[in-house]
N, C-alpha and C. Protein backbone atom coordinates (compact mmCIF):
# COMPACT_ATOMS: atom_id res chain seq x y z
N MET A 1 29.15 -9.46 -7.10
CA MET A 1 28.57 -8.24 -8.01
C MET A 1 29.34 -7.03 -8.43
N ASP A 2 29.84 -7.37 -9.75
CA ASP A 2 30.99 -5.88 -9.74
C ASP A 2 30.32 -5.10 -10.61
N LYS A 3 29.23 -4.19 -10.57
CA LYS A 3 28.41 -3.79 -11.12
C LYS A 3 28.63 -2.10 -10.96
N PRO A 4 28.31 -0.85 -12.33
CA PRO A 4 28.79 0.26 -11.88
C PRO A 4 28.22 1.44 -10.67
N VAL A 5 26.72 0.94 -10.68
CA VAL A 5 25.55 1.48 -10.05
C VAL A 5 25.30 0.69 -8.86
N LEU A 6 25.27 1.79 -7.94
CA LEU A 6 23.94 1.13 -6.48
C LEU A 6 23.09 2.07 -6.58
N ASP A 7 21.89 1.38 -6.65
CA ASP A 7 20.48 2.23 -5.91
C ASP A 7 20.16 2.04 -4.42
N ALA A 8 20.82 2.57 -3.52
CA ALA A 8 21.02 2.55 -1.94
C ALA A 8 19.39 2.03 -1.12
N CYS A 9 18.49 2.20 -1.60
CA CYS A 9 16.90 2.43 -0.97
C CYS A 9 16.02 2.12 -2.17
N CYS A 10 16.07 1.24 -3.05
CA CYS A 10 15.40 0.77 -4.40
C CYS A 10 14.11 0.54 -4.09
N GLY A 11 13.49 0.22 -2.72
CA GLY A 11 12.07 0.13 -2.69
C GLY A 11 11.61 -0.64 -3.91
N SER A 12 10.17 -0.30 -4.68
CA SER A 12 9.33 -1.10 -5.17
C SER A 12 10.28 -0.36 -7.26
N ARG A 13 11.62 -0.25 -6.95
CA ARG A 13 12.08 0.40 -7.85
C ARG A 13 11.19 1.50 -9.45
N MET A 14 10.56 1.88 -8.38
CA MET A 14 9.37 2.87 -9.34
C MET A 14 9.92 3.54 -10.51
N PHE A 15 10.73 4.54 -10.16
CA PHE A 15 11.55 5.72 -10.75
C PHE A 15 12.19 4.48 -12.23
N TRP A 16 12.43 3.53 -12.10
CA TRP A 16 13.60 2.89 -13.42
C TRP A 16 13.21 2.39 -14.49
N PHE A 17 13.28 2.75 -15.58
CA PHE A 17 12.80 2.45 -16.56
C PHE A 17 12.84 1.08 -17.29
N ASP A 18 13.98 0.40 -16.35
CA ASP A 18 14.57 -1.02 -16.94
C ASP A 18 14.59 -1.54 -15.16
N ARG A 19 13.56 -2.43 -14.40
CA ARG A 19 13.64 -2.58 -13.31
C ARG A 19 14.52 -3.86 -12.90
N GLU A 20 15.11 -4.16 -13.72
CA GLU A 20 15.90 -5.54 -13.78
C GLU A 20 17.65 -4.75 -14.25
N ASP A 21 17.68 -3.88 -14.28
CA ASP A 21 18.74 -3.22 -15.00
C ASP A 21 19.90 -3.81 -14.72
N ASP A 22 20.61 -4.27 -15.60
CA ASP A 22 21.80 -5.22 -15.45
C ASP A 22 23.85 -4.42 -15.12
N ARG A 23 22.91 -3.14 -14.91
CA ARG A 23 24.53 -2.60 -14.58
C ARG A 23 24.35 -2.10 -12.86
N THR A 24 23.10 -2.28 -12.52
CA THR A 24 22.53 -1.81 -11.59
C THR A 24 22.81 -3.12 -10.26
N ILE A 25 23.08 -2.57 -8.44
CA ILE A 25 23.12 -3.53 -7.63
C ILE A 25 21.76 -2.49 -6.81
N PHE A 26 20.52 -3.33 -7.00
CA PHE A 26 19.32 -2.70 -6.02
C PHE A 26 19.20 -3.25 -4.47
N GLY A 27 20.04 -2.11 -3.66
CA GLY A 27 19.64 -2.61 -2.44
C GLY A 27 18.67 -1.95 -1.77
N ASP A 28 17.99 -2.38 -0.13
CA ASP A 28 17.07 -1.98 0.71
C ASP A 28 16.64 -2.49 2.01
N ASN A 29 16.49 -2.08 2.74
CA ASN A 29 16.78 -3.09 4.19
C ASN A 29 14.96 -3.63 4.11
N ARG A 30 14.34 -3.53 3.54
CA ARG A 30 12.84 -3.91 3.69
C ARG A 30 13.27 -4.99 2.07
N LYS A 31 12.35 -6.35 2.60
CA LYS A 31 12.27 -7.56 1.34
C LYS A 31 10.69 -7.84 1.73
N GLU A 32 9.50 -7.58 1.33
CA GLU A 32 8.38 -7.63 1.26
C GLU A 32 7.36 -7.30 -0.11
N GLU A 33 6.06 -7.79 0.16
CA GLU A 33 5.32 -7.53 -0.50
C GLU A 33 3.89 -7.31 0.13
N HIS A 34 3.13 -6.36 -0.66
CA HIS A 34 1.49 -5.65 -0.39
C HIS A 34 1.07 -5.89 -0.94
N THR A 35 -0.46 -5.68 -0.51
CA THR A 35 -1.59 -5.51 -2.14
C THR A 35 -1.81 -4.61 -1.49
N LEU A 36 -1.83 -3.35 -2.28
CA LEU A 36 -2.80 -2.30 -2.02
C LEU A 36 -3.86 -2.01 -2.90
N PRO A 37 -4.56 -0.70 -2.04
CA PRO A 37 -6.06 -0.62 -2.83
C PRO A 37 -5.53 0.33 -4.01
N ASP A 38 -6.47 0.33 -5.00
CA ASP A 38 -5.98 1.28 -5.97
C ASP A 38 -7.35 1.10 -7.25
N VAL A 39 -8.19 2.30 -7.05
CA VAL A 39 -8.77 2.16 -7.61
C VAL A 39 -8.63 2.05 -9.49
N SER A 40 -7.96 2.66 -9.66
CA SER A 40 -7.46 2.83 -11.40
C SER A 40 -6.60 1.11 -11.93
N SER A 41 -6.66 0.49 -11.51
CA SER A 41 -5.48 -0.87 -11.23
C SER A 41 -7.36 -2.27 -11.34
N ALA A 42 -7.18 -3.00 -12.29
CA ALA A 42 -8.37 -4.53 -12.54
C ALA A 42 -8.35 -4.83 -11.46
N GLY A 43 -9.53 -5.20 -10.66
CA GLY A 43 -9.72 -5.49 -9.31
C GLY A 43 -9.68 -4.47 -8.11
N GLY A 44 -9.07 -3.33 -8.27
CA GLY A 44 -9.11 -2.13 -7.49
C GLY A 44 -7.92 -2.39 -6.56
N SER A 45 -7.25 -3.07 -7.01
CA SER A 45 -5.53 -3.22 -6.20
C SER A 45 -4.34 -3.88 -7.21
N ARG A 46 -3.43 -3.20 -6.28
CA ARG A 46 -2.06 -4.12 -7.29
C ARG A 46 -1.09 -4.33 -6.16
N GLN A 47 -0.33 -4.81 -6.66
CA GLN A 47 1.05 -5.70 -6.04
C GLN A 47 2.18 -4.69 -5.79
N LEU A 48 2.48 -4.41 -4.45
CA LEU A 48 3.79 -3.53 -4.74
C LEU A 48 4.84 -4.27 -4.07
N ILE A 49 5.63 -4.51 -4.36
CA ILE A 49 6.82 -5.67 -3.96
C ILE A 49 8.10 -4.96 -4.39
N ILE A 50 9.21 -5.36 -3.07
CA ILE A 50 10.08 -4.27 -2.48
C ILE A 50 10.83 -6.12 -2.45
N ALA A 51 11.79 -6.32 -3.36
CA ALA A 51 12.62 -7.64 -3.64
C ALA A 51 14.40 -6.67 -4.31
N PRO A 52 15.11 -6.16 -3.17
CA PRO A 52 16.35 -6.05 -3.29
C PRO A 52 17.21 -6.98 -3.54
N ASP A 53 18.20 -7.45 -4.30
CA ASP A 53 19.14 -8.10 -4.90
C ASP A 53 20.02 -8.28 -3.33
N VAL A 54 20.24 -7.04 -3.09
CA VAL A 54 21.14 -7.04 -1.34
C VAL A 54 19.87 -6.58 -0.55
N GLN A 55 19.88 -7.13 0.82
CA GLN A 55 18.86 -6.41 1.70
C GLN A 55 20.10 -5.73 2.34
N LEU A 56 20.28 -4.66 2.46
CA LEU A 56 21.22 -3.65 3.08
C LEU A 56 20.72 -2.60 3.89
N ASP A 57 21.48 -1.89 5.13
CA ASP A 57 21.58 -0.87 5.55
C ASP A 57 21.77 0.43 4.60
N PHE A 58 21.48 1.24 4.58
CA PHE A 58 22.19 2.40 3.68
C PHE A 58 23.06 3.02 4.88
N ARG A 59 23.09 3.12 6.10
CA ARG A 59 23.84 3.61 7.23
C ARG A 59 25.64 3.03 7.10
N ALA A 60 25.05 1.79 7.02
CA ALA A 60 26.70 0.63 6.95
C ALA A 60 26.48 0.26 5.50
N LEU A 61 27.14 0.37 4.10
CA LEU A 61 26.55 0.01 3.12
C LEU A 61 28.04 -1.43 3.20
N PRO A 62 27.17 -2.61 2.54
CA PRO A 62 28.44 -3.57 2.35
C PRO A 62 29.50 -3.87 0.95
N PHE A 63 30.20 -2.36 0.91
CA PHE A 63 31.04 -2.01 -0.23
C PHE A 63 31.84 -1.51 0.08
N PRO A 64 33.22 -1.98 -0.44
CA PRO A 64 34.60 -1.32 -0.41
C PRO A 64 34.21 0.07 -0.52
N ASP A 65 34.99 1.22 -0.15
CA ASP A 65 35.13 2.28 -0.75
C ASP A 65 35.58 2.88 -2.08
N ASP A 66 35.19 3.45 -2.63
CA ASP A 66 35.23 3.92 -4.18
C ASP A 66 34.48 2.92 -5.46
N LYS A 67 33.80 2.47 -5.03
CA LYS A 67 33.51 0.94 -5.71
C LYS A 67 32.51 1.46 -6.85
N PHE A 68 31.51 2.34 -6.13
CA PHE A 68 30.76 2.87 -7.78
C PHE A 68 30.84 3.85 -8.55
N HIS A 69 30.34 4.32 -9.75
CA HIS A 69 30.27 5.46 -10.34
C HIS A 69 29.16 6.69 -10.26
N LEU A 70 27.78 5.56 -9.90
CA LEU A 70 26.80 6.61 -9.57
C LEU A 70 25.94 5.42 -8.52
N VAL A 71 25.78 6.19 -7.51
CA VAL A 71 24.66 5.80 -6.49
C VAL A 71 23.80 7.04 -6.26
N VAL A 72 22.22 6.22 -6.29
CA VAL A 72 21.14 6.87 -6.17
C VAL A 72 20.92 6.70 -4.39
N PHE A 73 20.45 7.34 -4.19
CA PHE A 73 19.97 7.60 -2.75
C PHE A 73 18.54 8.15 -2.54
N ASP A 74 17.71 7.31 -2.39
CA ASP A 74 16.34 7.65 -2.53
C ASP A 74 15.64 7.55 -1.40
N PRO A 75 15.74 7.73 0.17
CA PRO A 75 15.54 7.49 1.56
C PRO A 75 14.23 7.56 1.61
N PRO A 76 13.64 6.74 2.39
CA PRO A 76 12.25 7.19 2.64
C PRO A 76 11.95 8.82 3.46
N HIS A 77 11.26 9.39 3.04
CA HIS A 77 11.18 10.55 3.28
C HIS A 77 9.52 10.62 4.57
N LEU A 78 9.43 9.78 5.31
CA LEU A 78 8.05 9.94 5.93
C LEU A 78 8.42 9.91 7.41
N VAL A 79 8.16 10.89 8.30
CA VAL A 79 8.22 10.52 9.63
C VAL A 79 7.01 10.54 10.71
N ASN A 80 6.16 10.98 10.29
CA ASN A 80 4.94 11.06 11.30
C ASN A 80 4.02 10.50 10.82
N ASN A 81 3.84 9.64 9.48
CA ASN A 81 2.84 8.80 9.15
C ASN A 81 2.86 7.14 9.74
N GLY A 82 2.12 6.97 9.85
CA GLY A 82 1.97 5.67 10.34
C GLY A 82 2.23 4.48 9.56
N ARG A 83 2.94 3.76 10.40
CA ARG A 83 4.29 2.54 9.70
C ARG A 83 3.45 1.60 8.86
N ASN A 84 2.30 1.62 8.89
CA ASN A 84 1.25 0.56 8.49
C ASN A 84 0.44 1.20 7.27
N GLY A 85 0.23 2.23 7.05
CA GLY A 85 -0.47 3.16 6.08
C GLY A 85 0.75 2.58 4.97
N TRP A 86 -0.33 2.74 4.03
CA TRP A 86 0.10 2.80 2.69
C TRP A 86 1.27 3.66 2.12
N LEU A 87 1.36 4.79 2.40
CA LEU A 87 2.85 5.48 2.19
C LEU A 87 3.54 5.02 2.88
N ALA A 88 3.82 4.47 3.96
CA ALA A 88 4.87 3.86 4.50
C ALA A 88 5.04 2.94 3.93
N LYS A 89 3.92 1.69 3.53
CA LYS A 89 4.56 0.54 2.70
C LYS A 89 4.99 0.72 1.66
N LYS A 90 4.76 2.12 1.02
CA LYS A 90 5.18 2.52 -0.57
C LYS A 90 6.51 2.83 -0.86
N TYR A 91 7.02 3.76 0.87
CA TYR A 91 8.25 4.48 0.66
C TYR A 91 8.89 4.35 1.51
N GLY A 92 8.64 3.42 2.79
CA GLY A 92 9.45 3.52 3.64
C GLY A 92 8.91 4.13 5.13
N LYS A 93 9.37 4.16 5.97
CA LYS A 93 9.12 4.88 7.02
C LYS A 93 10.75 6.01 8.05
N LEU A 94 11.35 7.01 8.21
CA LEU A 94 12.39 7.18 8.97
C LEU A 94 11.62 6.74 10.50
N GLY A 95 12.63 6.79 11.12
CA GLY A 95 12.75 6.46 12.67
C GLY A 95 12.96 7.87 13.17
N ALA A 96 12.40 8.02 14.86
CA ALA A 96 13.11 8.71 15.40
C ALA A 96 14.36 9.74 15.57
N ASP A 97 15.34 9.19 15.31
CA ASP A 97 17.01 9.63 15.04
C ASP A 97 16.88 9.96 13.01
N TRP A 98 15.98 10.02 12.67
CA TRP A 98 15.90 10.58 11.36
C TRP A 98 17.09 11.13 10.37
N ARG A 99 17.39 12.72 11.51
CA ARG A 99 18.37 12.87 11.17
C ARG A 99 19.57 12.27 10.43
N GLU A 100 20.30 11.78 11.86
CA GLU A 100 21.59 10.92 11.92
C GLU A 100 21.57 9.94 11.08
N ASP A 101 20.11 9.19 10.51
CA ASP A 101 19.99 8.49 9.64
C ASP A 101 20.26 8.86 8.29
N ILE A 102 19.77 10.02 7.97
CA ILE A 102 19.69 10.65 6.52
C ILE A 102 21.30 11.21 6.50
N ARG A 103 22.11 11.24 7.82
CA ARG A 103 23.46 11.93 7.30
C ARG A 103 24.70 10.89 7.48
N GLY A 104 24.07 9.79 8.13
CA GLY A 104 24.64 8.28 7.96
C GLY A 104 24.67 8.17 6.98
N GLY A 105 23.74 7.81 5.89
CA GLY A 105 23.54 7.55 4.49
C GLY A 105 24.20 8.53 3.39
N PHE A 106 24.09 9.52 3.65
CA PHE A 106 25.13 10.66 2.83
C PHE A 106 26.61 9.88 2.93
N ALA A 107 27.13 10.09 4.49
CA ALA A 107 28.31 9.40 4.34
C ALA A 107 28.52 8.13 3.78
N GLU A 108 27.65 7.04 3.99
CA GLU A 108 27.83 6.06 3.05
C GLU A 108 28.14 6.26 1.62
N CYS A 109 27.04 6.62 1.27
CA CYS A 109 26.80 7.01 -0.07
C CYS A 109 28.23 7.58 -0.85
N PHE A 110 28.68 8.67 -0.20
CA PHE A 110 29.84 9.25 -0.55
C PHE A 110 31.18 8.15 -0.26
N ARG A 111 31.35 7.70 0.49
CA ARG A 111 32.26 6.70 0.47
C ARG A 111 32.51 5.87 -0.13
N VAL A 112 31.43 4.78 -0.66
CA VAL A 112 31.33 4.17 -1.37
C VAL A 112 31.73 4.47 -3.23
N LEU A 113 31.39 6.13 -3.24
CA LEU A 113 31.52 6.44 -4.66
C LEU A 113 33.19 6.64 -5.04
N LYS A 114 32.88 6.56 -5.95
CA LYS A 114 34.82 6.53 -6.73
C LYS A 114 34.70 8.02 -6.33
N PRO A 115 35.82 8.39 -7.16
CA PRO A 115 36.03 9.91 -6.98
C PRO A 115 35.67 10.74 -8.51
N PHE A 116 34.88 11.90 -8.32
CA PHE A 116 34.57 12.32 -9.43
C PHE A 116 33.30 11.39 -9.62
N GLY A 117 32.76 10.52 -8.91
CA GLY A 117 31.37 9.70 -9.09
C GLY A 117 30.40 10.66 -9.02
N THR A 118 29.22 10.52 -9.32
CA THR A 118 27.87 11.28 -9.18
C THR A 118 26.87 10.44 -7.88
N LEU A 119 26.64 11.03 -7.57
CA LEU A 119 25.13 10.74 -5.97
C LEU A 119 24.06 11.55 -6.95
N ILE A 120 22.66 10.87 -6.70
CA ILE A 120 21.67 11.43 -7.18
C ILE A 120 20.94 11.19 -6.16
N PHE A 121 20.75 12.35 -5.10
CA PHE A 121 19.98 12.64 -4.38
C PHE A 121 18.09 12.60 -4.64
N LYS A 122 17.42 11.99 -4.16
CA LYS A 122 15.73 12.04 -4.13
C LYS A 122 14.95 12.57 -3.36
N TRP A 123 14.09 13.42 -2.91
CA TRP A 123 13.12 13.47 -1.88
C TRP A 123 11.87 14.58 -1.73
N ASN A 124 11.42 13.98 -1.18
CA ASN A 124 9.91 14.46 -1.45
C ASN A 124 9.71 15.38 -0.16
N GLU A 125 9.35 16.40 0.17
CA GLU A 125 8.82 17.55 1.38
C GLU A 125 7.49 17.32 1.39
N HIS A 126 7.15 16.14 1.61
CA HIS A 126 6.31 16.19 2.26
C HIS A 126 5.73 16.05 3.86
N GLU A 127 6.74 15.99 4.37
CA GLU A 127 6.74 16.40 5.60
C GLU A 127 8.20 16.72 5.87
N VAL A 128 8.97 16.76 5.45
CA VAL A 128 10.81 17.43 5.89
C VAL A 128 10.99 18.75 4.44
N LYS A 129 11.18 19.69 4.69
CA LYS A 129 11.86 20.81 3.82
C LYS A 129 13.31 19.81 3.49
N VAL A 130 13.40 20.01 1.89
CA VAL A 130 15.07 19.35 1.90
C VAL A 130 16.08 20.79 1.99
N SER A 131 15.80 21.95 2.36
CA SER A 131 16.92 22.35 2.98
C SER A 131 17.28 22.09 4.44
N GLU A 132 16.40 21.19 5.05
CA GLU A 132 16.69 20.81 6.34
C GLU A 132 17.75 19.27 6.02
N LEU A 133 17.45 18.86 4.82
CA LEU A 133 18.17 17.74 4.17
C LEU A 133 19.84 18.22 3.91
N LEU A 134 19.85 18.93 3.62
CA LEU A 134 21.05 19.63 2.71
C LEU A 134 21.84 20.16 3.84
N LYS A 135 21.71 20.30 4.97
CA LYS A 135 22.23 20.35 6.16
C LYS A 135 23.01 19.32 6.85
N LEU A 136 22.44 17.91 6.41
CA LEU A 136 23.04 17.01 6.79
C LEU A 136 24.02 16.27 6.28
N THR A 137 24.87 17.05 5.09
CA THR A 137 26.07 16.70 4.51
C THR A 137 26.75 18.47 4.17
N ASP A 138 28.33 18.42 3.80
CA ASP A 138 28.73 18.94 3.73
C ASP A 138 29.08 18.95 2.43
N ALA A 139 28.42 18.20 1.66
CA ALA A 139 28.75 17.90 0.12
C ALA A 139 28.23 19.24 -0.57
N LYS A 140 28.49 19.77 -1.21
CA LYS A 140 27.56 21.36 -2.15
C LYS A 140 26.87 20.23 -3.47
N PRO A 141 25.64 20.17 -3.85
CA PRO A 141 25.09 19.68 -4.76
C PRO A 141 25.64 20.65 -5.93
N LEU A 142 25.77 20.18 -7.06
CA LEU A 142 25.72 20.59 -8.61
C LEU A 142 24.56 21.35 -8.98
N PHE A 143 23.67 20.47 -8.59
CA PHE A 143 22.15 21.16 -9.45
C PHE A 143 20.91 20.61 -8.84
N GLY A 144 20.19 20.84 -9.55
CA GLY A 144 18.77 19.96 -8.97
C GLY A 144 17.06 20.74 -9.31
N ASN A 145 16.53 20.17 -9.29
CA ASN A 145 14.88 19.81 -10.46
C ASN A 145 13.95 19.88 -9.40
N ARG A 146 13.15 20.21 -9.25
CA ARG A 146 11.44 20.13 -8.72
C ARG A 146 10.56 19.54 -9.56
N CYS A 147 9.72 18.77 -8.98
CA CYS A 147 8.99 17.84 -10.11
C CYS A 147 7.95 17.70 -9.05
N GLY A 148 6.49 16.80 -10.15
CA GLY A 148 5.54 16.21 -9.38
C GLY A 148 4.40 17.03 -9.18
N LYS A 149 3.59 16.65 -8.73
CA LYS A 149 1.86 17.99 -8.68
C LYS A 149 2.18 18.90 -8.01
N ASN A 150 2.86 18.78 -6.76
CA ASN A 150 2.94 20.09 -6.08
C ASN A 150 4.24 20.32 -5.68
N ALA A 151 5.09 19.60 -7.28
CA ALA A 151 6.25 20.47 -6.77
C ALA A 151 7.35 20.10 -5.73
N LYS A 152 7.17 19.20 -4.89
CA LYS A 152 7.28 18.53 -3.59
C LYS A 152 8.63 17.97 -3.85
N SER A 153 8.62 16.95 -4.83
CA SER A 153 9.34 16.52 -4.84
C SER A 153 11.06 16.75 -5.69
N HIS A 154 11.76 16.42 -5.53
CA HIS A 154 13.17 17.01 -5.38
C HIS A 154 14.51 15.95 -6.02
N TRP A 155 15.01 16.25 -7.41
CA TRP A 155 16.35 15.30 -7.90
C TRP A 155 17.17 16.11 -7.71
N ILE A 156 18.21 15.96 -6.80
CA ILE A 156 19.52 17.33 -6.37
C ILE A 156 20.72 16.24 -7.16
N VAL A 157 21.58 16.51 -7.72
CA VAL A 157 22.64 15.84 -7.76
C VAL A 157 24.03 16.32 -7.30
N PHE A 158 24.86 15.38 -7.08
CA PHE A 158 26.40 15.80 -6.27
C PHE A 158 27.43 15.22 -7.20
N MET A 159 28.25 15.59 -6.67
CA MET A 159 29.93 14.95 -7.32
C MET A 159 30.80 14.84 -6.36
N LYS A 160 31.61 13.59 -5.98
CA LYS A 160 31.90 13.13 -5.23
C LYS A 160 33.62 13.68 -5.64
N GLY A 161 34.53 14.53 -4.56
CA GLY A 161 35.89 15.16 -4.88
C GLY A 161 36.09 16.08 -5.77
N MET A 162 34.58 16.94 -5.78
CA MET A 162 34.87 17.97 -6.31
C MET A 162 36.42 19.50 -5.88
N GLY A 163 35.97 19.18 -4.62
CA GLY A 163 36.97 20.31 -4.20
C GLY A 163 35.87 21.37 -3.51
N GLU A 164 34.93 21.33 -2.85
CA GLU A 164 33.62 22.22 -2.67
C GLU A 164 34.30 23.54 -2.32
N PRO A 165 33.98 24.49 -3.46
CA PRO A 165 33.97 25.96 -3.05
C PRO A 165 32.84 26.40 -2.25
N ASP A 166 33.73 27.50 -2.32
CA ASP A 166 32.68 28.63 -1.10
C ASP A 166 31.48 28.99 -2.07
N LEU A 167 30.40 28.49 -1.93
CA LEU A 167 29.89 29.00 -3.23
C LEU A 167 28.67 30.09 -2.33
N GLY A 168 28.75 30.53 -1.50
CA GLY A 168 27.99 31.52 -0.88
C GLY A 168 26.58 31.44 -1.03
N SER A 169 25.57 32.61 -0.63
CA SER A 169 24.09 32.38 -1.44
C SER A 169 23.73 32.35 -2.39
N SER A 170 24.67 32.82 -3.53
CA SER A 170 24.10 32.70 -5.19
C SER A 170 24.93 31.75 -5.76
N GLY A 171 25.34 30.64 -4.95
CA GLY A 171 25.30 29.47 -5.52
C GLY A 171 24.82 27.98 -4.93
N SER A 172 24.04 28.06 -3.97
CA SER A 172 23.47 27.30 -3.35
C SER A 172 22.14 26.80 -4.05
N TYR A 173 21.83 25.68 -3.79
CA TYR A 173 20.29 25.03 -3.89
C TYR A 173 19.25 25.54 -3.17
N ILE A 174 18.09 26.25 -3.86
CA ILE A 174 17.01 26.85 -3.10
C ILE A 174 16.30 26.19 -3.55
N PRO A 175 15.49 25.72 -2.72
CA PRO A 175 14.22 25.07 -2.97
C PRO A 175 12.95 25.68 -2.68
């Protein structure tokens, strides 16, 4: 698969305009289907399908260094919710060592990025603040944006190999 984009935690590909985008390798550690209750859907439920192109662990990506122009890193953001709840089924769940898992995920995503490649990081602060996540990488974000009903979702953009300057307090991303 010689494609320029990697989604390292694709889940059900919720935010993709084209869930079969032929420029992208969709990866996830899960491959599963669930019927979830949804009062807004006909019949009161909907299918959640997680079907990655490559089943993988974002902490140990099966790709060579400097392969992708763009990597999307949208890891699970739940720590305390039950493993079988609908949120965990929809978004996945982090384990007890979640800090090390995310640190390893950042390292792997940057490893497989080409020099000056772009990393798009998405996080929801439902349980863990984005400021805690940014401590898990030495890379400095370029810019970010909050969104969602309660402004808890963050999209943060990084670029590999910029020669990270000392931004001090005035240049850091403040969620």
